[in-house]
């Protein structure tokens, strides 16, 4: 038998995300679980950058950077714009920076 009141059960039905939303949320946070992606996103919160610049700044292989950017683009965390011959990547939504900052604050850095 449940101890939860009818109000609590009603709130659960209203506010718990559906299965599809839970999958999307889980996928989003799983993308933040990789240290190289966190560094990459941190760099992009400072300025839009091309793959070559990201690779040099983060001391990463360009292929690795491109792969990580593709994963982040697939879920609209980053976007890119063509500037002449270069593709400049940037954070798609300022909320991404806020999410990273909340993590930093939570950890006390």
C-alpha atoms as a PDB file:
ATOM      1  CA  UNK A   1       0.000   0.000   0.000  1.00  0.00           C
ATOM      2  CA  UNK A   2       1.252   3.474  -0.886  1.00  0.00           C
ATOM      3  CA  UNK A   3       1.756   6.105   1.805  1.00  0.00           C
ATOM      4  CA  UNK A   4       1.700   8.962  -0.705  1.00  0.00           C
ATOM      5  CA  UNK A   5      -1.313  11.225  -0.589  1.00  0.00           C
ATOM      6  CA  UNK A   6      -3.634  11.666  -3.545  1.00  0.00           C
ATOM      7  CA  UNK A   7      -2.100  15.139  -4.072  1.00  0.00           C
ATOM      8  CA  UNK A   8       1.418  13.692  -4.247  1.00  0.00           C
ATOM      9  CA  UNK A   9       0.301  10.993  -6.677  1.00  0.00           C
ATOM     10  CA  UNK A  10      -1.455  13.596  -8.808  1.00  0.00           C
ATOM     11  CA  UNK A  11       1.699  15.758  -8.807  1.00  0.00           C
ATOM     12  CA  UNK A  12       3.754  12.735  -9.863  1.00  0.00           C
ATOM     13  CA  UNK A  13       1.450  12.126 -12.805  1.00  0.00           C
ATOM     14  CA  UNK A  14       1.698  15.786 -13.835  1.00  0.00           C
ATOM     15  CA  UNK A  15       5.425  16.361 -13.396  1.00  0.00           C
ATOM     16  CA  UNK A  16       7.257  13.110 -14.015  1.00  0.00           C
ATOM     17  CA  UNK A  17       8.643  13.154 -17.568  1.00  0.00           C
ATOM     18  CA  UNK A  18       7.370  10.619 -20.060  1.00  0.00           C
ATOM     19  CA  UNK A  19       9.642   7.822 -21.314  1.00  0.00           C
ATOM     20  CA  UNK A  20      10.637   9.685 -24.491  1.00  0.00           C
ATOM     21  CA  UNK A  21      11.607  12.788 -22.512  1.00  0.00           C
ATOM     22  CA  UNK A  22      13.585  10.699 -20.033  1.00  0.00           C
ATOM     23  CA  UNK A  23      15.580   9.182 -22.912  1.00  0.00           C
ATOM     24  CA  UNK A  24      16.360  12.633 -24.331  1.00  0.00           C
ATOM     25  CA  UNK A  25      17.384  13.992 -20.930  1.00  0.00           C
ATOM     26  CA  UNK A  26      19.597  10.962 -20.280  1.00  0.00           C
ATOM     27  CA  UNK A  27      21.235  11.310 -23.705  1.00  0.00           C
ATOM     28  CA  UNK A  28      21.870  15.010 -23.058  1.00  0.00           C
ATOM     29  CA  UNK A  29      23.573  14.391 -19.722  1.00  0.00           C
ATOM     30  CA  UNK A  30      25.522  11.401 -21.054  1.00  0.00           C
ATOM     31  CA  UNK A  31      27.148  13.763 -23.548  1.00  0.00           C
ATOM     32  CA  UNK A  32      28.428  15.804 -20.616  1.00  0.00           C
ATOM     33  CA  UNK A  33      30.041  12.730 -19.058  1.00  0.00           C
ATOM     34  CA  UNK A  34      33.099  12.767 -21.340  1.00  0.00           C
ATOM     35  CA  UNK A  35      36.024  14.953 -20.135  1.00  0.00           C
ATOM     36  CA  UNK A  36      37.061  15.942 -23.658  1.00  0.00           C
ATOM     37  CA  UNK A  37      33.540  17.129 -24.459  1.00  0.00           C
ATOM     38  CA  UNK A  38      33.380  19.142 -21.236  1.00  0.00           C
ATOM     39  CA  UNK A  39      36.688  20.829 -22.112  1.00  0.00           C
ATOM     40  CA  UNK A  40      35.503  21.428 -25.658  1.00  0.00           C
ATOM     41  CA  UNK A  41      32.228  22.953 -24.485  1.00  0.00           C
ATOM     42  CA  UNK A  42      34.073  25.072 -21.941  1.00  0.00           C
ATOM     43  CA  UNK A  43      36.271  26.468 -24.722  1.00  0.00           C
ATOM     44  CA  UNK A  44      33.226  27.209 -26.882  1.00  0.00           C
ATOM     45  CA  UNK A  45      31.562  29.128 -24.052  1.00  0.00           C
ATOM     46  CA  UNK A  46      34.444  31.604 -24.360  1.00  0.00           C
ATOM     47  CA  UNK A  47      34.412  32.049 -28.143  1.00  0.00           C
ATOM     48  CA  UNK A  48      33.315  30.369 -31.382  1.00  0.00           C
ATOM     49  CA  UNK A  49      36.194  28.272 -32.723  1.00  0.00           C
ATOM     50  CA  UNK A  50      37.104  26.142 -35.724  1.00  0.00           C
ATOM     51  CA  UNK A  51      38.236  22.513 -35.404  1.00  0.00           C
ATOM     52  CA  UNK A  52      41.902  23.427 -35.925  1.00  0.00           C
ATOM     53  CA  UNK A  53      41.817  26.009 -33.131  1.00  0.00           C
ATOM     54  CA  UNK A  54      39.975  23.685 -30.753  1.00  0.00           C
ATOM     55  CA  UNK A  55      42.479  20.896 -31.429  1.00  0.00           C
ATOM     56  CA  UNK A  56      45.431  23.228 -30.781  1.00  0.00           C
ATOM     57  CA  UNK A  57      43.958  24.850 -27.662  1.00  0.00           C
ATOM     58  CA  UNK A  58      42.906  21.548 -26.077  1.00  0.00           C
ATOM     59  CA  UNK A  59      45.895  19.567 -27.355  1.00  0.00           C
ATOM     60  CA  UNK A  60      43.606  17.077 -29.078  1.00  0.00           C
ATOM     61  CA  UNK A  61      43.658  15.311 -32.423  1.00  0.00           C
ATOM     62  CA  UNK A  62      41.539  17.071 -35.079  1.00  0.00           C
ATOM     63  CA  UNK A  63      39.738  13.814 -35.852  1.00  0.00           C
ATOM     64  CA  UNK A  64      38.783  13.444 -32.190  1.00  0.00           C
ATOM     65  CA  UNK A  65      37.564  17.046 -32.058  1.00  0.00           C
ATOM     66  CA  UNK A  66      35.475  16.544 -35.200  1.00  0.00           C
ATOM     67  CA  UNK A  67      33.958  13.366 -33.778  1.00  0.00           C
ATOM     68  CA  UNK A  68      33.057  15.041 -30.484  1.00  0.00           C
ATOM     69  CA  UNK A  69      31.569  18.035 -32.315  1.00  0.00           C
ATOM     70  CA  UNK A  70      29.433  15.736 -34.462  1.00  0.00           C
ATOM     71  CA  UNK A  71      27.999  14.101 -31.334  1.00  0.00           C
ATOM     72  CA  UNK A  72      27.240  17.505 -29.846  1.00  0.00           C
ATOM     73  CA  UNK A  73      25.717  18.804 -33.088  1.00  0.00           C
ATOM     74  CA  UNK A  74      23.471  15.745 -33.360  1.00  0.00           C
ATOM     75  CA  UNK A  75      21.628  16.838 -30.215  1.00  0.00           C
ATOM     76  CA  UNK A  76      21.831  20.587 -30.918  1.00  0.00           C
ATOM     77  CA  UNK A  77      24.282  21.396 -28.131  1.00  0.00           C
ATOM     78  CA  UNK A  78      26.591  23.126 -30.622  1.00  0.00           C
ATOM     79  CA  UNK A  79      25.985  24.710 -34.006  1.00  0.00           C
ATOM     80  CA  UNK A  80      28.335  25.818 -36.735  1.00  0.00           C
ATOM     81  CA  UNK A  81      28.525  28.708 -39.162  1.00  0.00           C
ATOM     82  CA  UNK A  82      30.593  28.942 -42.291  1.00  0.00           C
ATOM     83  CA  UNK A  83      32.962  31.908 -42.297  1.00  0.00           C
ATOM     84  CA  UNK A  84      34.726  31.811 -45.628  1.00  0.00           C
ATOM     85  CA  UNK A  85      36.514  28.475 -45.784  1.00  0.00           C
ATOM     86  CA  UNK A  86      36.195  27.823 -42.058  1.00  0.00           C
ATOM     87  CA  UNK A  87      33.395  26.303 -40.019  1.00  0.00           C
ATOM     88  CA  UNK A  88      33.162  28.042 -36.655  1.00  0.00           C
ATOM     89  CA  UNK A  89      31.479  26.088 -33.879  1.00  0.00           C
ATOM     90  CA  UNK A  90      29.617  27.705 -31.016  1.00  0.00           C
ATOM     91  CA  UNK A  91      27.323  26.815 -28.150  1.00  0.00           C
ATOM     92  CA  UNK A  92      23.772  26.532 -29.492  1.00  0.00           C
ATOM     93  CA  UNK A  93      22.060  27.873 -26.391  1.00  0.00           C
ATOM     94  CA  UNK A  94      23.378  29.976 -23.463  1.00  0.00           C
ATOM     95  CA  UNK A  95      21.667  27.507 -21.100  1.00  0.00           C
ATOM     96  CA  UNK A  96      24.530  25.072 -21.856  1.00  0.00           C
ATOM     97  CA  UNK A  97      26.968  27.470 -20.205  1.00  0.00           C
ATOM     98  CA  UNK A  98      24.605  27.813 -17.239  1.00  0.00           C
ATOM     99  CA  UNK A  99      24.455  24.017 -16.873  1.00  0.00           C
ATOM    100  CA  UNK A 100      28.259  23.823 -16.863  1.00  0.00           C
ATOM    101  CA  UNK A 101      28.458  26.641 -14.317  1.00  0.00           C
ATOM    102  CA  UNK A 102      25.949  24.917 -12.021  1.00  0.00           C
ATOM    103  CA  UNK A 103      28.162  21.824 -12.126  1.00  0.00           C
ATOM    104  CA  UNK A 104      31.224  23.904 -11.260  1.00  0.00           C
ATOM    105  CA  UNK A 105      29.380  25.624  -8.403  1.00  0.00           C
ATOM    106  CA  UNK A 106      28.045  22.309  -7.099  1.00  0.00           C
ATOM    107  CA  UNK A 107      31.574  20.926  -6.969  1.00  0.00           C
ATOM    108  CA  UNK A 108      32.838  24.075  -5.227  1.00  0.00           C
ATOM    109  CA  UNK A 109      35.329  25.257  -7.858  1.00  0.00           C
END
